[in-house]
Protein backbone atom coordinates (compact mmCIF):
# COMPACT_ATOMS: atom_id res chain seq x y z
CA MET A 1 -58.57 -36.18 4.29
CA PHE A 2 -58.53 -32.64 2.99
CA GLU A 3 -57.54 -31.41 6.41
CA GLY A 4 -54.29 -33.45 6.29
CA ALA A 5 -53.54 -32.25 2.77
CA LYS A 6 -54.20 -28.68 3.84
CA ASP A 7 -51.77 -29.03 6.76
CA TYR A 8 -49.20 -30.63 4.47
CA LEU A 9 -49.49 -27.82 1.90
CA GLU A 10 -49.31 -25.19 4.63
CA ALA A 11 -46.16 -26.79 6.07
CA THR A 12 -44.64 -27.08 2.58
CA PHE A 13 -45.36 -23.41 1.79
CA ASN A 14 -43.91 -22.39 5.18
CA ALA A 15 -40.76 -24.40 4.46
CA ILE A 16 -40.47 -22.89 0.98
CA SER A 17 -40.98 -19.40 2.43
CA ALA A 18 -38.32 -20.05 5.05
CA LEU A 19 -35.90 -21.33 2.40
CA ALA A 20 -36.64 -18.28 0.23
CA ALA A 21 -35.99 -16.00 3.21
CA VAL A 22 -32.69 -17.75 3.95
CA GLY A 23 -31.75 -17.54 0.27
CA ALA A 24 -32.58 -13.82 0.20
CA LEU A 25 -30.56 -13.27 3.35
CA CYS A 26 -27.56 -15.12 1.88
CA TYR A 27 -27.85 -13.09 -1.32
CA ALA A 28 -27.99 -9.85 0.70
CA VAL A 29 -24.91 -10.84 2.72
CA ILE A 30 -23.01 -11.66 -0.48
CA GLN A 31 -24.05 -8.35 -2.06
CA VAL A 32 -23.05 -6.32 1.01
CA SER A 33 -19.72 -8.15 1.17
CA ALA A 34 -19.05 -7.51 -2.52
CA THR A 35 -19.97 -3.84 -2.14
CA LYS A 36 -17.60 -3.46 0.82
CA ARG A 37 -14.81 -5.19 -1.11
CA LEU A 38 -15.32 -2.87 -4.08
CA ALA A 39 -15.31 0.16 -1.78
CA ARG A 40 -12.04 -0.98 -0.17
CA GLU A 41 -10.50 -1.56 -3.59
CA SER A 42 -11.66 1.89 -4.66
CA ASP A 43 -10.10 3.44 -1.53
CA ALA A 44 -6.81 1.67 -2.27
CA LEU A 45 -6.83 2.86 -5.88
CA GLN A 46 -7.56 6.42 -4.77
CA ALA A 47 -4.72 6.38 -2.22
CA HIS A 48 -2.31 5.07 -4.85
CA ARG A 49 -3.52 7.64 -7.39
CA GLU A 50 -2.92 10.46 -4.89
CA TYR A 51 0.58 9.13 -4.18
CA LEU A 52 1.40 8.98 -7.91
CA SER A 53 0.13 12.54 -8.34
CA LEU A 54 2.40 13.65 -5.54
CA CYS A 55 5.33 11.92 -7.26
CA LEU A 56 4.58 13.82 -10.46
CA GLU A 57 4.28 17.12 -8.59
CA HIS A 58 7.56 16.51 -6.71
CA PRO A 59 9.73 14.20 -8.83
CA GLY A 60 12.84 15.05 -6.82
CA LEU A 61 11.24 13.32 -3.83
CA SER A 62 9.93 10.30 -5.72
CA SER A 63 13.01 8.13 -5.11
CA SER A 64 16.03 8.11 -2.85
CA LEU A 65 18.31 8.24 -5.87
CA LEU A 66 16.75 11.40 -7.30
CA PHE A 67 16.73 13.05 -3.91
CA ALA A 68 20.37 12.13 -3.29
CA LYS A 69 21.42 13.41 -6.71
CA ASN A 70 19.58 16.70 -6.22
CA GLN A 71 21.04 17.17 -2.74
CA LYS A 72 24.48 15.88 -3.77
CA ILE A 73 24.60 13.29 -1.00
CA ARG A 74 25.71 9.66 -1.17
CA SER A 75 24.40 8.49 2.19
CA PHE A 76 21.24 8.85 4.21
CA ASP A 77 23.03 8.17 7.50
CA GLU A 78 22.21 11.63 8.84
CA ILE A 79 19.01 12.40 6.93
CA ASP A 80 17.08 13.06 10.12
CA THR A 81 19.63 15.57 11.44
CA MET A 82 20.43 17.52 8.26
CA LEU A 83 17.62 19.98 9.01
CA SER A 84 17.05 21.69 5.71
CA PRO A 85 13.75 22.40 3.99
CA GLU A 86 14.66 19.78 1.38
CA THR A 87 15.44 17.01 3.85
CA GLU A 88 12.32 17.82 5.86
CA ALA A 89 10.25 17.65 2.67
CA TYR A 90 11.78 14.27 1.85
CA LEU A 91 11.13 12.90 5.33
CA TRP A 92 7.50 14.05 5.10
CA PHE A 93 7.30 12.45 1.66
CA LEU A 94 8.56 9.17 3.15
CA SER A 95 5.84 9.42 5.78
CA ILE A 96 3.28 9.84 3.02
CA VAL A 97 4.69 6.80 1.21
CA LEU A 98 4.43 4.69 4.35
CA ASN A 99 0.95 5.94 5.21
CA THR A 100 -0.24 5.29 1.67
CA CYS A 101 1.16 1.76 1.80
CA GLU A 102 -0.52 1.14 5.12
CA GLN A 103 -3.83 2.51 3.84
CA ILE A 104 -3.65 0.20 0.84
CA LEU A 105 -2.71 -2.78 3.01
CA GLU A 106 -5.73 -2.09 5.23
CA ASN A 107 -8.05 -2.04 2.24
CA VAL A 108 -6.90 -4.87 -0.01
CA ALA A 109 -5.19 -8.22 0.29
CA ALA A 110 -1.44 -7.80 0.26
CA LYS A 111 -0.81 -10.26 -2.54
CA GLY A 112 -0.47 -10.27 -6.28
CA PRO A 113 -0.28 -6.92 -8.07
CA TRP A 114 -0.82 -4.78 -4.99
CA ARG A 115 2.04 -6.46 -3.16
CA ARG A 116 4.39 -5.93 -6.10
CA ILE A 117 3.36 -2.28 -6.41
CA LEU A 118 3.92 -1.55 -2.73
CA HIS A 119 7.12 -3.55 -2.68
CA ASN A 120 8.53 -1.60 -5.64
CA GLN A 121 7.49 1.78 -4.25
CA LEU A 122 9.12 1.06 -0.92
CA ARG A 123 12.25 -0.35 -2.52
CA ILE A 124 13.00 2.84 -4.47
CA HIS A 125 13.21 4.59 -1.09
CA TRP A 126 15.29 1.81 0.51
CA PRO A 127 18.40 3.90 1.36
CA ALA A 128 16.41 6.41 3.39
CA LEU A 129 13.95 3.89 4.82
CA GLU A 130 16.82 1.72 6.02
CA LYS A 131 17.85 4.60 8.28
CA MET A 132 14.42 5.91 9.27
CA TRP A 133 12.32 2.74 9.57
CA PRO A 134 13.78 1.63 12.93
CA LYS A 135 12.71 4.99 14.38
CA TRP A 136 9.25 4.93 12.78
CA GLU A 137 8.18 1.29 12.65
CA ASN A 138 6.27 1.26 15.95
CA ALA A 139 3.84 3.80 14.51
CA TYR A 140 2.68 1.33 11.86
CA GLY A 141 0.69 -1.88 11.80
CA GLY A 142 1.87 -5.44 11.45
CA ARG A 143 1.12 -5.75 7.75
CA LEU A 144 3.36 -2.83 6.84
CA ARG A 145 6.05 -3.96 9.29
CA ARG A 146 6.13 -7.39 7.63
CA LEU A 147 6.31 -5.86 4.15
CA MET A 148 9.06 -3.46 5.23
CA ALA A 149 11.05 -6.36 6.70
CA GLU A 150 10.93 -8.05 3.29
CA VAL A 151 11.91 -4.87 1.46
CA LEU A 152 14.78 -4.02 3.80
CA ALA A 153 16.10 -7.59 3.64
CA LEU A 154 16.53 -7.25 -0.13
CA GLY A 155 18.93 -4.35 0.09
CA PRO A 156 19.04 -1.34 -2.21
CA GLU A 157 18.41 -1.35 -5.92
CA THR A 158 21.41 -1.61 -8.22
CA ASP A 159 21.23 2.02 -9.39
CA TRP A 160 21.54 3.23 -5.79
CA THR A 161 24.40 0.85 -5.05
CA GLU A 162 26.30 2.06 -8.10
CA TYR A 163 25.65 5.72 -7.30
CA ALA A 164 26.70 5.37 -3.66
CA ARG A 165 29.76 3.26 -4.51
CA THR A 166 31.23 5.49 -7.20
CA ARG A 167 32.10 9.12 -7.24
CA GLN A 168 30.99 9.35 -10.84
CA SER A 169 28.01 11.48 -11.54
CA VAL A 170 24.78 9.89 -12.55
CA PRO A 171 23.24 11.49 -15.63
CA ASP A 172 20.94 14.37 -14.72
CA LYS A 173 18.39 13.27 -17.26
CA ILE A 174 17.06 9.77 -17.28
CA SER A 175 15.54 8.81 -20.59
CA LEU A 176 12.09 7.34 -20.35
């Protein structure tokens, strides 16, 4: 009689131990997954922070409108053949914008706030990206290509349209 009870208790403890081990394994997987997600989010935030710092260091490159005003151009049709230090700096800046966007897209889900941030940052460079993206797009992944297709389909922002359409000057100082 005690032998059967002993076997039963042993089997019960083995089952409980196995369940505890499975539970611990599940907990570990969840923890590792959460840690990886936080690390990816941190990488995305760092990439965006570095991009914003670059914009502050070089405000004349931070949007197509500011660049166009500073260079006194109304079109980006020949941006890749102008060959000046300023246009080269702007083209490199655009590459940084695209690489930053791709880095963020690789690290976080492209929805919600991140999608709006990337969308807005790309849109302020629409006039130049419209010309350069067809030449560069094959160097980037599918997520960025899909986002760029959305951005390019929207067309330029109103301030660029007005600037390019008129021969009036845009105020040199924009009040914040």
